[in-house]
Amino acid sequence: MENEIKKGKQKIQMNFIESERAHIVSFSKRKKTLFEDAKKFATQTRADVDVMLFSHGGKPCSYGSIIIEEIIENFLKVKLKDRQCDYAEVKSNGFEALEDLHKELQICNEKEKK
């Protein structure tokens, strides 16, 4: 015990995972941890948190403290107010992507209802 060298906190080098099986296993483990952290953050800060991931096969996975549609709508309302106040004259690519995602989400919900 006395001769043990303690390494403490070390930086881990991130590398791309070549094996598809290892990639899937790593994704599922990290997804679980990410969702746990999101839940903990939402609980501690009383913030609205939503995490959306897409697996290698395209399957969507999400965690949300509230419904994702509400978060997107709230975000879009704030952006609309900013635009009306002339704070943002030019749309950003991220904002356009979020609007497209919101439209796709509405289409998917309509299809599910039918």
C-alpha atoms as a PDB file:
ATOM      1  CA  MET A   1       0.000   0.000   0.000  1.00  0.00           C
ATOM      2  CA  GLU A   2       2.800   2.401   0.820  1.00  0.00           C
ATOM      3  CA  ASN A   3       4.514   1.790  -2.523  1.00  0.00           C
ATOM      4  CA  GLU A   4       1.312   2.469  -4.522  1.00  0.00           C
ATOM      5  CA  ILE A   5       1.507   5.465  -6.799  1.00  0.00           C
ATOM      6  CA  LYS A   6      -1.723   7.374  -6.934  1.00  0.00           C
ATOM      7  CA  LYS A   7      -2.531   8.773 -10.334  1.00  0.00           C
ATOM      8  CA  GLY A   8      -5.376  11.066  -9.330  1.00  0.00           C
ATOM      9  CA  LYS A   9      -7.436  12.711 -12.017  1.00  0.00           C
ATOM     10  CA  GLN A  10      -5.956  12.241 -15.451  1.00  0.00           C
ATOM     11  CA  LYS A  11      -6.904  13.417 -18.893  1.00  0.00           C
ATOM     12  CA  ILE A  12      -8.359  10.651 -21.041  1.00  0.00           C
ATOM     13  CA  GLN A  13      -7.530  10.804 -24.712  1.00  0.00           C
ATOM     14  CA  MET A  14     -10.649  10.606 -26.894  1.00  0.00           C
ATOM     15  CA  ASN A  15     -10.387   8.388 -29.964  1.00  0.00           C
ATOM     16  CA  PHE A  16     -12.932   7.379 -32.584  1.00  0.00           C
ATOM     17  CA  ILE A  17     -14.302   3.903 -31.899  1.00  0.00           C
ATOM     18  CA  GLU A  18     -13.706   1.761 -34.978  1.00  0.00           C
ATOM     19  CA  SER A  19     -15.708  -1.322 -33.995  1.00  0.00           C
ATOM     20  CA  GLU A  20     -19.440  -0.917 -34.637  1.00  0.00           C
ATOM     21  CA  ARG A  21     -20.317  -3.179 -31.704  1.00  0.00           C
ATOM     22  CA  ALA A  22     -18.098  -1.203 -29.331  1.00  0.00           C
ATOM     23  CA  HIS A  23     -19.575   1.999 -30.772  1.00  0.00           C
ATOM     24  CA  ILE A  24     -23.124   0.849 -29.939  1.00  0.00           C
ATOM     25  CA  VAL A  25     -22.170  -0.253 -26.412  1.00  0.00           C
ATOM     26  CA  SER A  26     -20.390   3.035 -25.726  1.00  0.00           C
ATOM     27  CA  PHE A  27     -23.380   5.003 -27.042  1.00  0.00           C
ATOM     28  CA  SER A  28     -25.816   3.204 -24.745  1.00  0.00           C
ATOM     29  CA  LYS A  29     -23.600   3.717 -21.670  1.00  0.00           C
ATOM     30  CA  ARG A  30     -22.978   7.385 -22.401  1.00  0.00           C
ATOM     31  CA  LYS A  31     -26.673   7.931 -23.200  1.00  0.00           C
ATOM     32  CA  LYS A  32     -27.657   6.585 -19.794  1.00  0.00           C
ATOM     33  CA  THR A  33     -25.149   8.827 -18.022  1.00  0.00           C
ATOM     34  CA  LEU A  34     -26.160  11.882 -20.053  1.00  0.00           C
ATOM     35  CA  PHE A  35     -29.849  11.365 -19.250  1.00  0.00           C
ATOM     36  CA  GLU A  36     -29.046  10.921 -15.538  1.00  0.00           C
ATOM     37  CA  ASP A  37     -27.028  14.152 -15.560  1.00  0.00           C
ATOM     38  CA  ALA A  38     -29.834  15.991 -17.371  1.00  0.00           C
ATOM     39  CA  LYS A  39     -32.342  14.771 -14.784  1.00  0.00           C
ATOM     40  CA  LYS A  40     -30.050  15.835 -11.929  1.00  0.00           C
ATOM     41  CA  PHE A  41     -29.507  19.263 -13.517  1.00  0.00           C
ATOM     42  CA  ALA A  42     -33.249  19.777 -14.052  1.00  0.00           C
ATOM     43  CA  THR A  43     -33.999  18.777 -10.463  1.00  0.00           C
ATOM     44  CA  GLN A  44     -31.320  20.965  -8.896  1.00  0.00           C
ATOM     45  CA  THR A  45     -31.923  24.086 -10.973  1.00  0.00           C
ATOM     46  CA  ARG A  46     -35.639  23.705 -11.736  1.00  0.00           C
ATOM     47  CA  ALA A  47     -34.743  24.408 -15.360  1.00  0.00           C
ATOM     48  CA  ASP A  48     -36.539  22.971 -18.368  1.00  0.00           C
ATOM     49  CA  VAL A  49     -34.158  20.408 -19.809  1.00  0.00           C
ATOM     50  CA  ASP A  50     -34.520  18.207 -22.841  1.00  0.00           C
ATOM     51  CA  VAL A  51     -31.917  15.987 -24.466  1.00  0.00           C
ATOM     52  CA  MET A  52     -32.479  14.418 -27.862  1.00  0.00           C
ATOM     53  CA  LEU A  53     -30.082  11.895 -29.374  1.00  0.00           C
ATOM     54  CA  PHE A  54     -30.172   9.804 -32.510  1.00  0.00           C
ATOM     55  CA  SER A  55     -28.510   6.408 -32.442  1.00  0.00           C
ATOM     56  CA  HIS A  56     -26.263   5.060 -35.178  1.00  0.00           C
ATOM     57  CA  GLY A  57     -29.310   3.348 -36.678  1.00  0.00           C
ATOM     58  CA  GLY A  58     -31.314   6.587 -36.656  1.00  0.00           C
ATOM     59  CA  LYS A  59     -33.507   5.684 -33.674  1.00  0.00           C
ATOM     60  CA  PRO A  60     -34.382   8.780 -31.605  1.00  0.00           C
ATOM     61  CA  CYS A  61     -33.804   8.756 -27.846  1.00  0.00           C
ATOM     62  CA  SER A  62     -34.828  11.599 -25.588  1.00  0.00           C
ATOM     63  CA  TYR A  63     -35.141  12.711 -22.001  1.00  0.00           C
ATOM     64  CA  GLY A  64     -37.161  15.728 -21.011  1.00  0.00           C
ATOM     65  CA  SER A  65     -38.199  17.425 -17.816  1.00  0.00           C
ATOM     66  CA  ILE A  66     -41.108  18.758 -19.878  1.00  0.00           C
ATOM     67  CA  ILE A  67     -42.414  18.073 -23.354  1.00  0.00           C
ATOM     68  CA  ILE A  68     -39.885  18.971 -26.053  1.00  0.00           C
ATOM     69  CA  GLU A  69     -42.509  20.842 -28.064  1.00  0.00           C
ATOM     70  CA  GLU A  70     -42.944  23.282 -25.158  1.00  0.00           C
ATOM     71  CA  ILE A  71     -39.206  23.932 -24.976  1.00  0.00           C
ATOM     72  CA  ILE A  72     -38.986  24.559 -28.727  1.00  0.00           C
ATOM     73  CA  GLU A  73     -42.037  26.834 -28.681  1.00  0.00           C
ATOM     74  CA  ASN A  74     -40.631  28.821 -25.737  1.00  0.00           C
ATOM     75  CA  PHE A  75     -37.314  29.173 -27.547  1.00  0.00           C
ATOM     76  CA  LEU A  76     -39.022  30.318 -30.730  1.00  0.00           C
ATOM     77  CA  LYS A  77     -41.130  32.863 -28.782  1.00  0.00           C
ATOM     78  CA  VAL A  78     -37.993  34.362 -27.233  1.00  0.00           C
ATOM     79  CA  LYS A  79     -36.306  34.522 -30.621  1.00  0.00           C
ATOM     80  CA  LEU A  80     -39.372  36.170 -32.119  1.00  0.00           C
ATOM     81  CA  LYS A  81     -39.316  38.832 -29.376  1.00  0.00           C
ATOM     82  CA  ASP A  82     -35.611  39.399 -30.057  1.00  0.00           C
ATOM     83  CA  ARG A  83     -36.317  39.778 -33.747  1.00  0.00           C
ATOM     84  CA  GLN A  84     -39.075  42.294 -33.045  1.00  0.00           C
ATOM     85  CA  CYS A  85     -36.693  44.318 -30.907  1.00  0.00           C
ATOM     86  CA  ASP A  86     -34.175  44.345 -33.789  1.00  0.00           C
ATOM     87  CA  TYR A  87     -31.556  42.505 -31.755  1.00  0.00           C
ATOM     88  CA  ALA A  88     -31.178  39.796 -34.383  1.00  0.00           C
ATOM     89  CA  GLU A  89     -31.596  41.022 -37.930  1.00  0.00           C
ATOM     90  CA  VAL A  90     -30.120  37.939 -39.591  1.00  0.00           C
ATOM     91  CA  LYS A  91     -31.250  34.377 -38.925  1.00  0.00           C
ATOM     92  CA  SER A  92     -28.550  32.006 -37.787  1.00  0.00           C
ATOM     93  CA  ASN A  93     -28.201  28.540 -39.284  1.00  0.00           C
ATOM     94  CA  GLY A  94     -28.895  26.963 -35.886  1.00  0.00           C
ATOM     95  CA  PHE A  95     -32.154  28.878 -35.550  1.00  0.00           C
ATOM     96  CA  GLU A  96     -33.266  27.791 -39.035  1.00  0.00           C
ATOM     97  CA  ALA A  97     -32.403  24.189 -38.179  1.00  0.00           C
ATOM     98  CA  LEU A  98     -34.437  24.407 -34.981  1.00  0.00           C
ATOM     99  CA  GLU A  99     -37.442  25.755 -36.891  1.00  0.00           C
ATOM    100  CA  ASP A 100     -37.122  22.881 -39.387  1.00  0.00           C
ATOM    101  CA  LEU A 101     -36.902  20.391 -36.521  1.00  0.00           C
ATOM    102  CA  HIS A 102     -40.009  21.897 -34.936  1.00  0.00           C
ATOM    103  CA  LYS A 103     -41.927  21.538 -38.224  1.00  0.00           C
ATOM    104  CA  GLU A 104     -40.795  17.912 -38.600  1.00  0.00           C
ATOM    105  CA  LEU A 105     -41.827  17.193 -35.015  1.00  0.00           C
ATOM    106  CA  GLN A 106     -45.297  18.627 -35.660  1.00  0.00           C
ATOM    107  CA  ILE A 107     -45.637  16.485 -38.811  1.00  0.00           C
ATOM    108  CA  CYS A 108     -44.600  13.343 -36.893  1.00  0.00           C
ATOM    109  CA  ASN A 109     -47.110  14.098 -34.125  1.00  0.00           C
ATOM    110  CA  GLU A 110     -49.886  14.545 -36.695  1.00  0.00           C
ATOM    111  CA  LYS A 111     -48.980  11.206 -38.316  1.00  0.00           C
ATOM    112  CA  GLU A 112     -49.011   9.450 -34.918  1.00  0.00           C
ATOM    113  CA  LYS A 113     -52.462  10.842 -34.138  1.00  0.00           C
ATOM    114  CA  LYS A 114     -53.824   9.399 -37.376  1.00  0.00           C
END
